[in-house]
Amino acid sequence: MTHGINLADLLRYARRLGIAVRPLRRTGELQLSHPSIPRRPRVNGRRKDSPRVASDFVHEVEKLLVGSGGH
């Protein structure tokens, strides 16, 4: 679902999953974070396409939420 999606759509979906998206000061980068995952990937907020690290992070959170909410 998340591979090949543009960055704006990916961030919108990430926020629905509870992922915090914070702009980093004066860099044009965005930092993604979720309480369940310790790493916080950074992405270039000026790009239109979503980098693999961002889509992988969103997919990982999605799997955690679907796995814990199913049973």
C-alpha atoms as a PDB file:
ATOM      1  CA  MET A   1       0.000   0.000   0.000  1.00  0.00           C
ATOM      2  CA  THR A   2       2.668   2.522   0.943  1.00  0.00           C
ATOM      3  CA  HIS A   3       5.375   1.887  -1.690  1.00  0.00           C
ATOM      4  CA  GLY A   4       5.125   4.163  -4.713  1.00  0.00           C
ATOM      5  CA  ILE A   5       2.872   6.706  -2.982  1.00  0.00           C
ATOM      6  CA  ASN A   6       3.618  10.433  -2.999  1.00  0.00           C
ATOM      7  CA  LEU A   7       4.928  12.012   0.197  1.00  0.00           C
ATOM      8  CA  ALA A   8       1.859  14.127   1.002  1.00  0.00           C
ATOM      9  CA  ASP A   9      -0.446  11.094   0.855  1.00  0.00           C
ATOM     10  CA  LEU A  10       1.990   9.005   2.880  1.00  0.00           C
ATOM     11  CA  LEU A  11       2.188  11.662   5.617  1.00  0.00           C
ATOM     12  CA  ARG A  12      -1.594  11.968   5.715  1.00  0.00           C
ATOM     13  CA  TYR A  13      -1.880   8.201   6.159  1.00  0.00           C
ATOM     14  CA  ALA A  14       0.931   8.199   8.747  1.00  0.00           C
ATOM     15  CA  ARG A  15      -0.897  10.767  10.869  1.00  0.00           C
ATOM     16  CA  ARG A  16      -4.022   8.588  10.804  1.00  0.00           C
ATOM     17  CA  LEU A  17      -1.914   5.738  12.208  1.00  0.00           C
ATOM     18  CA  GLY A  18      -0.725   7.954  15.066  1.00  0.00           C
ATOM     19  CA  ILE A  19       2.714   8.734  13.682  1.00  0.00           C
ATOM     20  CA  ALA A  20       3.989  12.167  14.675  1.00  0.00           C
ATOM     21  CA  VAL A  21       5.380  14.191  11.773  1.00  0.00           C
ATOM     22  CA  ARG A  22       7.584  17.068  12.938  1.00  0.00           C
ATOM     23  CA  PRO A  23       9.422  19.567  10.776  1.00  0.00           C
ATOM     24  CA  LEU A  24      13.071  19.955  11.724  1.00  0.00           C
ATOM     25  CA  ARG A  25      14.233  23.501  12.091  1.00  0.00           C
ATOM     26  CA  ARG A  26      15.644  25.165   8.982  1.00  0.00           C
ATOM     27  CA  THR A  27      16.532  21.920   7.233  1.00  0.00           C
ATOM     28  CA  GLY A  28      13.449  21.169   5.146  1.00  0.00           C
ATOM     29  CA  GLU A  29      13.450  17.710   6.691  1.00  0.00           C
ATOM     30  CA  LEU A  30      10.594  15.979   8.478  1.00  0.00           C
ATOM     31  CA  GLN A  31      11.046  13.536  11.324  1.00  0.00           C
ATOM     32  CA  LEU A  32       8.650  10.630  11.797  1.00  0.00           C
ATOM     33  CA  SER A  33       8.132   9.069  15.204  1.00  0.00           C
ATOM     34  CA  HIS A  34       5.839   6.598  16.910  1.00  0.00           C
ATOM     35  CA  PRO A  35       5.920   5.498  20.570  1.00  0.00           C
ATOM     36  CA  SER A  36       6.157   1.797  19.640  1.00  0.00           C
ATOM     37  CA  ILE A  37       9.286   2.142  17.511  1.00  0.00           C
ATOM     38  CA  PRO A  38      12.498   3.670  18.901  1.00  0.00           C
ATOM     39  CA  ARG A  39      14.025   4.885  15.625  1.00  0.00           C
ATOM     40  CA  ARG A  40      12.960   8.172  14.064  1.00  0.00           C
ATOM     41  CA  PRO A  41      13.601   8.381  10.333  1.00  0.00           C
ATOM     42  CA  ARG A  42      14.133  11.729   8.637  1.00  0.00           C
ATOM     43  CA  VAL A  43      12.854  12.547   5.162  1.00  0.00           C
ATOM     44  CA  ASN A  44      13.299  15.477   2.816  1.00  0.00           C
ATOM     45  CA  GLY A  45      10.011  17.379   3.067  1.00  0.00           C
ATOM     46  CA  ARG A  46      10.556  19.120  -0.260  1.00  0.00           C
ATOM     47  CA  ARG A  47      10.383  15.948  -2.326  1.00  0.00           C
ATOM     48  CA  LYS A  48       7.169  14.826  -3.969  1.00  0.00           C
ATOM     49  CA  ASP A  49       7.910  11.114  -3.849  1.00  0.00           C
ATOM     50  CA  SER A  50       8.163   9.236  -0.592  1.00  0.00           C
ATOM     51  CA  PRO A  51      11.551   7.732   0.279  1.00  0.00           C
ATOM     52  CA  ARG A  52      11.744   4.050   1.114  1.00  0.00           C
ATOM     53  CA  VAL A  53      12.699   4.688   4.766  1.00  0.00           C
ATOM     54  CA  ALA A  54       9.453   6.619   5.273  1.00  0.00           C
ATOM     55  CA  SER A  55       7.232   4.055   3.594  1.00  0.00           C
ATOM     56  CA  ASP A  56       8.981   1.204   5.439  1.00  0.00           C
ATOM     57  CA  PHE A  57       8.477   3.003   8.764  1.00  0.00           C
ATOM     58  CA  VAL A  58       4.764   3.581   8.078  1.00  0.00           C
ATOM     59  CA  HIS A  59       4.372  -0.031   6.973  1.00  0.00           C
ATOM     60  CA  GLU A  60       6.066  -1.242  10.176  1.00  0.00           C
ATOM     61  CA  VAL A  61       3.682   0.810  12.342  1.00  0.00           C
ATOM     62  CA  GLU A  62       0.744  -0.413  10.275  1.00  0.00           C
ATOM     63  CA  LYS A  63       1.767  -4.040  10.878  1.00  0.00           C
ATOM     64  CA  LEU A  64       2.091  -3.391  14.634  1.00  0.00           C
ATOM     65  CA  LEU A  65      -1.356  -1.841  14.849  1.00  0.00           C
ATOM     66  CA  VAL A  66      -3.096  -4.444  12.704  1.00  0.00           C
ATOM     67  CA  GLY A  67      -1.362  -7.263  14.551  1.00  0.00           C
ATOM     68  CA  SER A  68      -2.311  -5.975  18.010  1.00  0.00           C
ATOM     69  CA  GLY A  69      -5.873  -4.923  17.139  1.00  0.00           C
ATOM     70  CA  GLY A  70      -6.966  -8.085  15.364  1.00  0.00           C
ATOM     71  CA  HIS A  71      -7.346 -10.391  18.380  1.00  0.00           C
END
